[in-house]
C-alpha atoms as a PDB file:
ATOM      1  CA  MET A   1       0.000   0.000   0.000  1.00  0.00           C
ATOM      2  CA  SER A   2       2.748   2.432   0.896  1.00  0.00           C
ATOM      3  CA  ALA A   3       4.343   2.033  -2.533  1.00  0.00           C
ATOM      4  CA  ASP A   4       1.180   3.168  -4.290  1.00  0.00           C
ATOM      5  CA  SER A   5       0.010   5.865  -1.894  1.00  0.00           C
ATOM      6  CA  PRO A   6       2.625   6.539   0.793  1.00  0.00           C
ATOM      7  CA  THR A   7       0.693   9.361   2.453  1.00  0.00           C
ATOM      8  CA  ARG A   8      -2.737   7.759   2.466  1.00  0.00           C
ATOM      9  CA  GLU A   9      -4.368   7.030   5.797  1.00  0.00           C
ATOM     10  CA  LEU A  10      -6.252   3.804   6.242  1.00  0.00           C
ATOM     11  CA  ARG A  11      -9.408   4.649   8.182  1.00  0.00           C
ATOM     12  CA  ILE A  12     -10.601   1.685  10.214  1.00  0.00           C
ATOM     13  CA  GLY A  13     -14.159   1.800  11.486  1.00  0.00           C
ATOM     14  CA  THR A  14     -14.837   0.087  14.790  1.00  0.00           C
ATOM     15  CA  ARG A  15     -17.417  -0.115  17.511  1.00  0.00           C
ATOM     16  CA  THR A  16     -16.465   1.550  20.780  1.00  0.00           C
ATOM     17  CA  SER A  17     -16.641  -1.441  23.136  1.00  0.00           C
ATOM     18  CA  PRO A  18     -13.401  -2.624  24.793  1.00  0.00           C
ATOM     19  CA  MET A  19     -13.686  -5.870  22.819  1.00  0.00           C
ATOM     20  CA  ALA A  20     -13.981  -4.058  19.491  1.00  0.00           C
ATOM     21  CA  ILE A  21     -11.075  -1.751  20.343  1.00  0.00           C
ATOM     22  CA  ALA A  22      -8.904  -4.751  21.275  1.00  0.00           C
ATOM     23  CA  GLN A  23      -9.782  -6.518  18.026  1.00  0.00           C
ATOM     24  CA  THR A  24      -9.025  -3.402  16.009  1.00  0.00           C
ATOM     25  CA  ALA A  25      -5.652  -3.024  17.723  1.00  0.00           C
ATOM     26  CA  HIS A  26      -4.872  -6.625  16.769  1.00  0.00           C
ATOM     27  CA  VAL A  27      -5.676  -5.905  13.114  1.00  0.00           C
ATOM     28  CA  ILE A  28      -3.561  -2.743  13.161  1.00  0.00           C
ATOM     29  CA  ARG A  29      -0.588  -4.723  14.485  1.00  0.00           C
ATOM     30  CA  LEU A  30      -0.971  -7.225  11.651  1.00  0.00           C
ATOM     31  CA  LEU A  31      -1.194  -4.420   9.083  1.00  0.00           C
ATOM     32  CA  HIS A  32       1.919  -2.725  10.425  1.00  0.00           C
ATOM     33  CA  ARG A  33       3.847  -5.984  10.121  1.00  0.00           C
ATOM     34  CA  LEU A  34       3.001  -5.919   6.423  1.00  0.00           C
ATOM     35  CA  ASP A  35       3.788  -2.229   6.029  1.00  0.00           C
ATOM     36  CA  PRO A  36       5.554  -0.480   8.938  1.00  0.00           C
ATOM     37  CA  GLN A  37       5.027   2.886   7.213  1.00  0.00           C
ATOM     38  CA  LEU A  38       1.274   2.482   6.950  1.00  0.00           C
ATOM     39  CA  ARG A  39      -0.729   5.219   8.659  1.00  0.00           C
ATOM     40  CA  THR A  40      -3.915   4.035  10.336  1.00  0.00           C
ATOM     41  CA  VAL A  41      -6.713   6.035  11.897  1.00  0.00           C
ATOM     42  CA  THR A  42      -9.308   4.405  14.134  1.00  0.00           C
ATOM     43  CA  VAL A  43     -12.805   5.777  13.510  1.00  0.00           C
ATOM     44  CA  PRO A  44     -15.222   4.985  16.389  1.00  0.00           C
ATOM     45  CA  VAL A  45     -18.775   4.187  15.327  1.00  0.00           C
ATOM     46  CA  ARG A  46     -21.608   4.082  17.845  1.00  0.00           C
ATOM     47  CA  THR A  47     -24.443   1.898  16.626  1.00  0.00           C
ATOM     48  CA  GLU A  48     -28.088   1.744  17.629  1.00  0.00           C
ATOM     49  CA  ALA A  49     -27.400  -1.663  19.143  1.00  0.00           C
ATOM     50  CA  ASP A  50     -24.618  -0.207  21.326  1.00  0.00           C
ATOM     51  CA  LEU A  51     -27.065   2.295  22.798  1.00  0.00           C
ATOM     52  CA  TRP A  52     -29.804  -0.277  23.418  1.00  0.00           C
ATOM     53  CA  HIS A  53     -29.676  -2.125  26.738  1.00  0.00           C
ATOM     54  CA  GLY A  54     -32.677  -4.397  26.243  1.00  0.00           C
ATOM     55  CA  ASP A  55     -33.282  -7.524  24.188  1.00  0.00           C
ATOM     56  CA  LEU A  56     -31.451  -7.066  20.860  1.00  0.00           C
ATOM     57  CA  THR A  57     -34.014  -9.157  19.003  1.00  0.00           C
ATOM     58  CA  ARG A  58     -36.547  -6.347  19.499  1.00  0.00           C
ATOM     59  CA  ILE A  59     -34.520  -3.926  17.385  1.00  0.00           C
ATOM     60  CA  GLY A  60     -33.065  -6.278  14.785  1.00  0.00           C
ATOM     61  CA  GLY A  61     -30.443  -8.353  16.587  1.00  0.00           C
ATOM     62  CA  LYS A  62     -26.662  -8.318  16.365  1.00  0.00           C
ATOM     63  CA  GLY A  63     -26.897  -7.606  12.657  1.00  0.00           C
ATOM     64  CA  LEU A  64     -27.334  -3.949  13.598  1.00  0.00           C
ATOM     65  CA  PHE A  65     -23.661  -3.825  14.623  1.00  0.00           C
ATOM     66  CA  VAL A  66     -22.711  -5.016  11.154  1.00  0.00           C
ATOM     67  CA  GLU A  67     -25.201  -2.805   9.331  1.00  0.00           C
ATOM     68  CA  ALA A  68     -23.980   0.448  10.885  1.00  0.00           C
ATOM     69  CA  LEU A  69     -20.322  -0.208  10.098  1.00  0.00           C
ATOM     70  CA  ASP A  70     -21.035  -1.438   6.583  1.00  0.00           C
ATOM     71  CA  ALA A  71     -23.073   1.693   5.854  1.00  0.00           C
ATOM     72  CA  ARG A  72     -20.100   3.864   6.812  1.00  0.00           C
ATOM     73  CA  LEU A  73     -17.822   1.732   4.647  1.00  0.00           C
ATOM     74  CA  GLN A  74     -20.168   1.888   1.685  1.00  0.00           C
ATOM     75  CA  SER A  75     -20.427   5.688   1.949  1.00  0.00           C
ATOM     76  CA  GLY A  76     -16.637   6.107   1.964  1.00  0.00           C
ATOM     77  CA  ASP A  77     -16.366   7.429   5.531  1.00  0.00           C
ATOM     78  CA  ILE A  78     -14.038   4.551   6.387  1.00  0.00           C
ATOM     79  CA  ASP A  79     -11.779   2.284   4.317  1.00  0.00           C
ATOM     80  CA  LEU A  80     -11.946  -0.899   6.334  1.00  0.00           C
ATOM     81  CA  THR A  81     -14.052  -2.499   9.019  1.00  0.00           C
ATOM     82  CA  LEU A  82     -13.903  -5.790  10.861  1.00  0.00           C
ATOM     83  CA  HIS A  83     -16.615  -8.067  12.169  1.00  0.00           C
ATOM     84  CA  CYS A  84     -16.800 -11.084  14.417  1.00  0.00           C
ATOM     85  CA  LEU A  85     -18.046 -13.510  11.812  1.00  0.00           C
ATOM     86  CA  LYS A  86     -20.453 -15.109  14.288  1.00  0.00           C
ATOM     87  CA  ASP A  87     -22.320 -11.784  14.443  1.00  0.00           C
ATOM     88  CA  VAL A  88     -22.801 -11.488  10.668  1.00  0.00           C
ATOM     89  CA  PRO A  89     -26.330 -12.628   9.671  1.00  0.00           C
ATOM     90  CA  GLY A  90     -26.610 -15.489   7.238  1.00  0.00           C
ATOM     91  CA  ASP A  91     -29.845 -14.220   5.704  1.00  0.00           C
ATOM     92  CA  VAL A  92     -28.729 -10.720   4.646  1.00  0.00           C
ATOM     93  CA  PRO A  93     -26.592 -10.126   1.521  1.00  0.00           C
ATOM     94  CA  LEU A  94     -23.474  -7.989   1.707  1.00  0.00           C
ATOM     95  CA  ARG A  95     -24.084  -4.343   0.804  1.00  0.00           C
ATOM     96  CA  ALA A  96     -23.442  -3.432  -2.806  1.00  0.00           C
ATOM     97  CA  GLY A  97     -19.831  -2.608  -3.553  1.00  0.00           C
ATOM     98  CA  LEU A  98     -18.388  -4.284  -0.446  1.00  0.00           C
ATOM     99  CA  VAL A  99     -16.230  -7.387  -0.205  1.00  0.00           C
ATOM    100  CA  VAL A 100     -14.853  -9.582   2.564  1.00  0.00           C
ATOM    101  CA  ALA A 101     -11.165  -9.394   1.674  1.00  0.00           C
ATOM    102  CA  ALA A 102      -9.777 -11.592   4.455  1.00  0.00           C
ATOM    103  CA  HIS A 103     -10.581 -13.980   7.262  1.00  0.00           C
ATOM    104  CA  LEU A 104      -7.967 -13.912   9.995  1.00  0.00           C
ATOM    105  CA  GLU A 105      -6.741 -17.166  11.495  1.00  0.00           C
ATOM    106  CA  ARG A 106      -9.438 -18.487  13.794  1.00  0.00           C
ATOM    107  CA  ALA A 107      -8.974 -18.048  17.521  1.00  0.00           C
ATOM    108  CA  ASP A 108     -10.338 -20.597  20.012  1.00  0.00           C
ATOM    109  CA  ALA A 109     -13.971 -21.133  18.965  1.00  0.00           C
ATOM    110  CA  ARG A 110     -15.053 -22.803  22.197  1.00  0.00           C
ATOM    111  CA  ASP A 111     -17.298 -21.463  24.943  1.00  0.00           C
ATOM    112  CA  VAL A 112     -16.193 -21.332  28.559  1.00  0.00           C
ATOM    113  CA  LEU A 113     -17.742 -21.253  32.015  1.00  0.00           C
ATOM    114  CA  VAL A 114     -16.908 -18.331  34.298  1.00  0.00           C
ATOM    115  CA  VAL A 115     -18.074 -17.897  37.877  1.00  0.00           C
ATOM    116  CA  PRO A 116     -17.952 -15.185  40.563  1.00  0.00           C
ATOM    117  CA  GLU A 117     -14.452 -14.359  41.793  1.00  0.00           C
ATOM    118  CA  HIS A 118     -14.662 -16.244  45.077  1.00  0.00           C
ATOM    119  CA  SER A 119     -16.814 -19.159  43.918  1.00  0.00           C
ATOM    120  CA  ALA A 120     -15.492 -22.692  44.426  1.00  0.00           C
ATOM    121  CA  VAL A 121     -17.294 -23.956  41.306  1.00  0.00           C
ATOM    122  CA  ARG A 122     -14.915 -25.518  38.788  1.00  0.00           C
ATOM    123  CA  HIS A 123     -17.333 -27.235  36.421  1.00  0.00           C
ATOM    124  CA  LEU A 124     -20.914 -26.986  35.186  1.00  0.00           C
ATOM    125  CA  ASP A 125     -21.691 -30.130  37.190  1.00  0.00           C
ATOM    126  CA  ASP A 126     -20.665 -28.325  40.379  1.00  0.00           C
ATOM    127  CA  LEU A 127     -23.496 -25.814  40.075  1.00  0.00           C
ATOM    128  CA  PRO A 128     -26.395 -26.569  42.443  1.00  0.00           C
ATOM    129  CA  PRO A 129     -29.894 -27.361  41.126  1.00  0.00           C
ATOM    130  CA  GLY A 130     -31.627 -24.215  39.908  1.00  0.00           C
ATOM    131  CA  ALA A 131     -28.358 -22.286  39.547  1.00  0.00           C
ATOM    132  CA  ARG A 132     -28.608 -19.027  37.603  1.00  0.00           C
ATOM    133  CA  VAL A 133     -26.432 -18.969  34.493  1.00  0.00           C
ATOM    134  CA  GLY A 134     -26.113 -15.818  32.428  1.00  0.00           C
ATOM    135  CA  THR A 135     -26.146 -15.783  28.636  1.00  0.00           C
ATOM    136  CA  ALA A 136     -28.050 -13.858  25.975  1.00  0.00           C
ATOM    137  CA  SER A 137     -27.381 -16.552  23.348  1.00  0.00           C
ATOM    138  CA  VAL A 138     -30.274 -18.795  22.315  1.00  0.00           C
ATOM    139  CA  ARG A 139     -27.683 -21.308  21.063  1.00  0.00           C
ATOM    140  CA  ARG A 140     -25.985 -21.538  24.468  1.00  0.00           C
ATOM    141  CA  ARG A 141     -29.294 -21.536  26.312  1.00  0.00           C
ATOM    142  CA  ALA A 142     -30.628 -24.506  24.361  1.00  0.00           C
ATOM    143  CA  GLN A 143     -27.483 -26.567  24.812  1.00  0.00           C
ATOM    144  CA  LEU A 144     -27.116 -25.780  28.517  1.00  0.00           C
ATOM    145  CA  LEU A 145     -30.727 -26.758  29.186  1.00  0.00           C
ATOM    146  CA  ARG A 146     -30.285 -29.902  27.129  1.00  0.00           C
ATOM    147  CA  THR A 147     -27.537 -30.924  29.583  1.00  0.00           C
ATOM    148  CA  ARG A 148     -28.952 -29.337  32.738  1.00  0.00           C
ATOM    149  CA  PRO A 149     -32.714 -28.677  32.398  1.00  0.00           C
ATOM    150  CA  ASP A 150     -32.785 -27.534  36.037  1.00  0.00           C
ATOM    151  CA  LEU A 151     -30.705 -24.426  35.330  1.00  0.00           C
ATOM    152  CA  ARG A 152     -32.245 -20.958  35.322  1.00  0.00           C
ATOM    153  CA  ILE A 153     -30.926 -19.127  32.269  1.00  0.00           C
ATOM    154  CA  VAL A 154     -30.707 -15.375  32.829  1.00  0.00           C
ATOM    155  CA  PRO A 155     -30.397 -13.091  29.761  1.00  0.00           C
ATOM    156  CA  VAL A 156     -27.365 -10.856  30.279  1.00  0.00           C
ATOM    157  CA  ARG A 157     -25.674  -8.750  27.625  1.00  0.00           C
ATOM    158  CA  GLY A 158     -23.294  -5.828  27.404  1.00  0.00           C
ATOM    159  CA  ALA A 159     -19.516  -5.466  27.481  1.00  0.00           C
ATOM    160  CA  VAL A 160     -17.719  -8.500  28.884  1.00  0.00           C
ATOM    161  CA  GLY A 161     -16.161  -6.464  31.686  1.00  0.00           C
ATOM    162  CA  THR A 162     -19.565  -5.113  32.678  1.00  0.00           C
ATOM    163  CA  ARG A 163     -21.055  -8.597  32.747  1.00  0.00           C
ATOM    164  CA  LEU A 164     -18.217  -9.881  34.914  1.00  0.00           C
ATOM    165  CA  ASP A 165     -18.667  -6.959  37.315  1.00  0.00           C
ATOM    166  CA  LEU A 166     -22.391  -7.698  37.563  1.00  0.00           C
ATOM    167  CA  MET A 167     -21.705 -11.329  38.358  1.00  0.00           C
ATOM    168  CA  ASP A 168     -19.046 -10.373  40.914  1.00  0.00           C
ATOM    169  CA  GLY A 169     -21.447  -7.950  42.623  1.00  0.00           C
ATOM    170  CA  LYS A 170     -19.333  -4.904  41.777  1.00  0.00           C
ATOM    171  CA  ARG A 171     -22.247  -3.052  40.173  1.00  0.00           C
ATOM    172  CA  ASP A 172     -25.679  -2.268  41.518  1.00  0.00           C
ATOM    173  CA  SER A 173     -28.061  -4.676  39.876  1.00  0.00           C
ATOM    174  CA  THR A 174     -31.031  -6.892  40.577  1.00  0.00           C
ATOM    175  CA  VAL A 175     -29.334  -9.626  38.532  1.00  0.00           C
ATOM    176  CA  GLU A 176     -27.768 -12.413  40.573  1.00  0.00           C
ATOM    177  CA  LEU A 177     -25.694 -15.029  38.798  1.00  0.00           C
ATOM    178  CA  ASP A 178     -23.957 -18.226  39.812  1.00  0.00           C
ATOM    179  CA  ALA A 179     -22.084 -18.483  36.494  1.00  0.00           C
ATOM    180  CA  MET A 180     -21.913 -17.214  32.933  1.00  0.00           C
ATOM    181  CA  VAL A 181     -20.981 -18.767  29.624  1.00  0.00           C
ATOM    182  CA  LEU A 182     -18.758 -16.612  27.422  1.00  0.00           C
ATOM    183  CA  ALA A 183     -16.546 -16.969  24.366  1.00  0.00           C
ATOM    184  CA  SER A 184     -12.998 -18.142  24.971  1.00  0.00           C
ATOM    185  CA  ALA A 185     -11.700 -15.933  22.152  1.00  0.00           C
ATOM    186  CA  GLY A 186     -13.238 -12.798  23.620  1.00  0.00           C
ATOM    187  CA  LEU A 187     -11.750 -13.369  27.052  1.00  0.00           C
ATOM    188  CA  ALA A 188      -8.338 -13.990  25.483  1.00  0.00           C
ATOM    189  CA  ARG A 189      -8.532 -10.757  23.486  1.00  0.00           C
ATOM    190  CA  LEU A 190      -9.259  -8.863  26.707  1.00  0.00           C
ATOM    191  CA  GLY A 191      -6.586 -10.626  28.760  1.00  0.00           C
ATOM    192  CA  LEU A 192      -9.163 -12.297  31.012  1.00  0.00           C
ATOM    193  CA  THR A 193      -8.402 -15.987  30.508  1.00  0.00           C
ATOM    194  CA  HIS A 194      -7.689 -16.313  34.242  1.00  0.00           C
ATOM    195  CA  ARG A 195     -11.456 -16.151  34.785  1.00  0.00           C
ATOM    196  CA  VAL A 196     -12.074 -19.405  32.890  1.00  0.00           C
ATOM    197  CA  ARG A 197     -13.126 -22.390  35.037  1.00  0.00           C
ATOM    198  CA  GLN A 198     -14.265 -24.848  32.378  1.00  0.00           C
ATOM    199  CA  VAL A 199     -13.676 -25.015  28.638  1.00  0.00           C
ATOM    200  CA  PHE A 200     -16.572 -26.682  26.822  1.00  0.00           C
ATOM    201  CA  GLU A 201     -15.393 -29.010  24.076  1.00  0.00           C
ATOM    202  CA  VAL A 202     -17.324 -28.742  20.809  1.00  0.00           C
ATOM    203  CA  GLU A 203     -18.977 -32.085  21.524  1.00  0.00           C
ATOM    204  CA  GLU A 204     -20.377 -30.597  24.758  1.00  0.00           C
ATOM    205  CA  LEU A 205     -21.392 -27.151  23.552  1.00  0.00           C
ATOM    206  CA  LEU A 206     -21.230 -26.638  19.805  1.00  0.00           C
ATOM    207  CA  PRO A 207     -19.926 -23.147  18.907  1.00  0.00           C
ATOM    208  CA  ALA A 208     -21.677 -20.499  16.858  1.00  0.00           C
ATOM    209  CA  VAL A 209     -21.126 -20.447  13.110  1.00  0.00           C
ATOM    210  CA  GLY A 210     -17.993 -18.362  12.529  1.00  0.00           C
ATOM    211  CA  ALA A 211     -16.977 -18.371  16.190  1.00  0.00           C
ATOM    212  CA  GLY A 212     -13.440 -17.093  16.756  1.00  0.00           C
ATOM    213  CA  VAL A 213     -13.117 -15.623  13.255  1.00  0.00           C
ATOM    214  CA  LEU A 214     -12.540 -11.954  12.457  1.00  0.00           C
ATOM    215  CA  SER A 215     -13.443 -10.939   8.910  1.00  0.00           C
ATOM    216  CA  LEU A 216     -12.116  -7.809   7.212  1.00  0.00           C
ATOM    217  CA  GLU A 217     -14.297  -5.846   4.801  1.00  0.00           C
ATOM    218  CA  CYS A 218     -13.491  -3.063   2.381  1.00  0.00           C
ATOM    219  CA  ARG A 219     -14.888  -1.606  -0.829  1.00  0.00           C
ATOM    220  CA  ARG A 220     -14.636  -4.071  -3.705  1.00  0.00           C
ATOM    221  CA  TYR A 221     -13.020  -1.648  -6.123  1.00  0.00           C
ATOM    222  CA  ASP A 222     -10.522  -0.182  -3.667  1.00  0.00           C
ATOM    223  CA  SER A 223      -7.780  -2.368  -5.127  1.00  0.00           C
ATOM    224  CA  THR A 224      -5.013  -0.965  -2.940  1.00  0.00           C
ATOM    225  CA  VAL A 225      -6.829  -1.920   0.251  1.00  0.00           C
ATOM    226  CA  THR A 226      -8.110  -5.267  -1.008  1.00  0.00           C
ATOM    227  CA  THR A 227      -4.605  -6.269  -2.102  1.00  0.00           C
ATOM    228  CA  LEU A 228      -3.231  -5.379   1.315  1.00  0.00           C
ATOM    229  CA  LEU A 229      -5.964  -7.201   3.243  1.00  0.00           C
ATOM    230  CA  GLU A 230      -5.750 -10.325   1.091  1.00  0.00           C
ATOM    231  CA  LYS A 231      -2.241 -10.815   2.461  1.00  0.00           C
ATOM    232  CA  LEU A 232      -3.796 -11.330   5.908  1.00  0.00           C
ATOM    233  CA  ASN A 233      -6.216 -13.999   4.748  1.00  0.00           C
ATOM    234  CA  HIS A 234      -5.798 -17.400   6.431  1.00  0.00           C
ATOM    235  CA  GLU A 235      -6.824 -19.955   3.832  1.00  0.00           C
ATOM    236  CA  PRO A 236      -7.705 -22.848   6.200  1.00  0.00           C
ATOM    237  CA  THR A 237      -9.949 -20.532   8.217  1.00  0.00           C
ATOM    238  CA  LEU A 238     -11.607 -19.266   5.046  1.00  0.00           C
ATOM    239  CA  THR A 239     -12.271 -22.838   3.922  1.00  0.00           C
ATOM    240  CA  GLU A 240     -13.775 -23.912   7.249  1.00  0.00           C
ATOM    241  CA  ALA A 241     -15.784 -20.710   7.659  1.00  0.00           C
ATOM    242  CA  THR A 242     -17.165 -21.114   4.133  1.00  0.00           C
ATOM    243  CA  ALA A 243     -18.602 -24.536   4.995  1.00  0.00           C
ATOM    244  CA  GLU A 244     -20.189 -23.135   8.172  1.00  0.00           C
ATOM    245  CA  ARG A 245     -21.592 -20.039   6.482  1.00  0.00           C
ATOM    246  CA  VAL A 246     -23.046 -21.927   3.508  1.00  0.00           C
ATOM    247  CA  MET A 247     -24.824 -24.202   5.992  1.00  0.00           C
ATOM    248  CA  LEU A 248     -26.168 -21.146   7.827  1.00  0.00           C
ATOM    249  CA  GLN A 249     -27.314 -19.521   4.594  1.00  0.00           C
ATOM    250  CA  GLY A 250     -29.006 -22.730   3.496  1.00  0.00           C
ATOM    251  CA  LEU A 251     -30.948 -22.689   6.749  1.00  0.00           C
ATOM    252  CA  ARG A 252     -31.728 -18.970   6.263  1.00  0.00           C
ATOM    253  CA  GLY A 253     -30.390 -18.440   9.741  1.00  0.00           C
ATOM    254  CA  HIS A 254     -29.693 -15.112  11.365  1.00  0.00           C
ATOM    255  CA  CYS A 255     -27.665 -14.246  14.452  1.00  0.00           C
ATOM    256  CA  ASN A 256     -30.665 -14.854  16.728  1.00  0.00           C
ATOM    257  CA  SER A 257     -31.452 -18.297  15.317  1.00  0.00           C
ATOM    258  CA  PRO A 258     -30.854 -21.355  17.544  1.00  0.00           C
ATOM    259  CA  ILE A 259     -28.151 -22.663  15.179  1.00  0.00           C
ATOM    260  CA  ALA A 260     -24.666 -23.974  15.934  1.00  0.00           C
ATOM    261  CA  GLY A 261     -21.985 -25.070  13.500  1.00  0.00           C
ATOM    262  CA  HIS A 262     -18.283 -25.795  13.519  1.00  0.00           C
ATOM    263  CA  CYS A 263     -15.916 -27.055  10.828  1.00  0.00           C
ATOM    264  CA  VAL A 264     -12.339 -28.307  11.238  1.00  0.00           C
ATOM    265  CA  THR A 265      -9.742 -29.740   8.886  1.00  0.00           C
ATOM    266  CA  GLY A 266      -8.582 -33.216   9.825  1.00  0.00           C
ATOM    267  CA  PRO A 267      -5.040 -34.602   9.531  1.00  0.00           C
ATOM    268  CA  ASP A 268      -6.037 -36.207   6.229  1.00  0.00           C
ATOM    269  CA  GLY A 269      -7.143 -32.863   4.808  1.00  0.00           C
ATOM    270  CA  ARG A 270     -10.835 -33.724   4.900  1.00  0.00           C
ATOM    271  CA  LEU A 271     -13.289 -31.249   6.382  1.00  0.00           C
ATOM    272  CA  SER A 272     -15.425 -32.274   9.336  1.00  0.00           C
ATOM    273  CA  LEU A 273     -18.585 -30.189   9.756  1.00  0.00           C
ATOM    274  CA  ARG A 274     -20.961 -30.401  12.701  1.00  0.00           C
ATOM    275  CA  GLY A 275     -24.285 -28.596  12.655  1.00  0.00           C
ATOM    276  CA  MET A 276     -27.170 -28.385  15.103  1.00  0.00           C
ATOM    277  CA  VAL A 277     -30.505 -26.547  15.283  1.00  0.00           C
ATOM    278  CA  PHE A 278     -32.479 -26.373  18.524  1.00  0.00           C
ATOM    279  CA  CYS A 279     -35.789 -25.467  20.043  1.00  0.00           C
ATOM    280  CA  PRO A 280     -35.358 -22.866  22.838  1.00  0.00           C
ATOM    281  CA  ASP A 281     -35.076 -25.375  25.689  1.00  0.00           C
ATOM    282  CA  GLY A 282     -32.940 -27.849  23.763  1.00  0.00           C
ATOM    283  CA  ALA A 283     -35.478 -30.668  24.152  1.00  0.00           C
ATOM    284  CA  ALA A 284     -35.902 -30.977  20.387  1.00  0.00           C
ATOM    285  CA  PHE A 285     -33.034 -30.592  17.952  1.00  0.00           C
ATOM    286  CA  ALA A 286     -31.645 -31.596  14.583  1.00  0.00           C
ATOM    287  CA  GLN A 287     -28.002 -32.499  14.194  1.00  0.00           C
ATOM    288  CA  VAL A 288     -25.534 -33.565  11.550  1.00  0.00           C
ATOM    289  CA  HIS A 289     -21.853 -34.475  11.373  1.00  0.00           C
ATOM    290  CA  LEU A 290     -20.497 -34.742   7.851  1.00  0.00           C
ATOM    291  CA  TYR A 291     -17.088 -35.255   6.279  1.00  0.00           C
ATOM    292  CA  SER A 292     -16.092 -33.858   2.928  1.00  0.00           C
ATOM    293  CA  GLU A 293     -15.454 -36.142   0.009  1.00  0.00           C
ATOM    294  CA  ALA A 294     -13.859 -33.210  -1.786  1.00  0.00           C
ATOM    295  CA  PRO A 295     -11.557 -31.371   0.660  1.00  0.00           C
ATOM    296  CA  HIS A 296     -11.540 -28.248  -1.476  1.00  0.00           C
ATOM    297  CA  ASP A 297     -15.308 -27.874  -1.846  1.00  0.00           C
ATOM    298  CA  PRO A 298     -16.465 -26.454   1.503  1.00  0.00           C
ATOM    299  CA  ALA A 299     -19.556 -24.891  -0.062  1.00  0.00           C
ATOM    300  CA  ALA A 300     -20.835 -28.309  -1.158  1.00  0.00           C
ATOM    301  CA  LEU A 301     -20.281 -29.661   2.356  1.00  0.00           C
ATOM    302  CA  GLY A 302     -22.164 -26.750   3.913  1.00  0.00           C
ATOM    303  CA  ALA A 303     -25.034 -27.094   1.468  1.00  0.00           C
ATOM    304  CA  HIS A 304     -25.270 -30.830   2.176  1.00  0.00           C
ATOM    305  CA  ALA A 305     -25.368 -30.153   5.927  1.00  0.00           C
ATOM    306  CA  ALA A 306     -28.198 -27.644   5.514  1.00  0.00           C
ATOM    307  CA  ILE A 307     -30.226 -30.107   3.444  1.00  0.00           C
ATOM    308  CA  GLU A 308     -29.746 -32.827   6.052  1.00  0.00           C
ATOM    309  CA  LEU A 309     -30.799 -30.527   8.892  1.00  0.00           C
ATOM    310  CA  LEU A 310     -33.848 -29.306   6.989  1.00  0.00           C
ATOM    311  CA  SER A 311     -34.856 -32.919   6.375  1.00  0.00           C
ATOM    312  CA  GLN A 312     -34.862 -33.386  10.161  1.00  0.00           C
ATOM    313  CA  GLY A 313     -37.241 -30.453  10.741  1.00  0.00           C
ATOM    314  CA  ALA A 314     -34.746 -27.637  11.240  1.00  0.00           C
ATOM    315  CA  ARG A 315     -37.007 -25.105   9.506  1.00  0.00           C
ATOM    316  CA  SER A 316     -39.737 -25.626  12.079  1.00  0.00           C
ATOM    317  CA  LEU A 317     -37.261 -25.323  14.955  1.00  0.00           C
ATOM    318  CA  ILE A 318     -35.894 -22.061  13.554  1.00  0.00           C
ATOM    319  CA  ASP A 319     -39.321 -20.547  12.816  1.00  0.00           C
ATOM    320  CA  THR A 320     -40.864 -21.475  16.181  1.00  0.00           C
ATOM    321  CA  GLY A 321     -37.796 -20.769  18.304  1.00  0.00           C
ATOM    322  CA  ALA A 322     -38.357 -17.639  20.390  1.00  0.00           C
ATOM    323  CA  PRO A 323     -35.911 -15.499  22.334  1.00  0.00           C
ATOM    324  CA  PHE A 324     -36.155 -15.666  26.095  1.00  0.00           C
END
């Protein structure tokens, strides 16, 4: 980039949460490794979803975070934005003129259990009957109740630090929690891995589609930026994320749908894709675990998974599933 336009600033749009700022700083470090002379400017963007403290499904879900940033990118106010791929809806096309130029190498996709600072709980099984577990994710709620139907799931959202403070009793609140389930990748990005008590393996709690993946977007015809960002693309992550996203799109799932999916590349190069769709309490579900016959055709694998799930009644589960 510096060779073509040495004085150009790369304006990076980001939400204002500590998590978003940390993720943006990570991207800037990667960009500066490619071009130490590159000038970057962080452009904070407050979205409607950031200002809303209630149930996100009532105002359009997590897709609002994506929509606000993409609108600024499309208008030319910023040159680049990044999204947690798990927050990008599968039922909404990318805005005209935009392109996902890179998927960064996936961080840990797994979910983890965190508990109040002085709690002796080390594992989900240690929680007493009727324990209150905080999560705003319908995917986590369904899987937790499938394992422990006695749990009381409490919807909690907001910045990770705020949620931890609420659980620890450091903020005035009527919410009382015995534990929370959060993303391993998010805690790592914030330097909070010491709070983790249990890591849920994918067989125990299947991650969200795109979990742990940061995707970088820019304008399609901004060749200087696209060329730069393409150098950051991690091909194995792109392949695995493609299988997951095609499955999600085949299910017409959005970020509030009770859908989970995770793809990995085995030692033999074959893709292994797991997918699940749930009713809100996890009592009814559809599931699939497929292996690719063609290692380099992740889209076909994702499409096959969606067809299999739909044949098991996934459409009904998605359409009748309600937020809590």
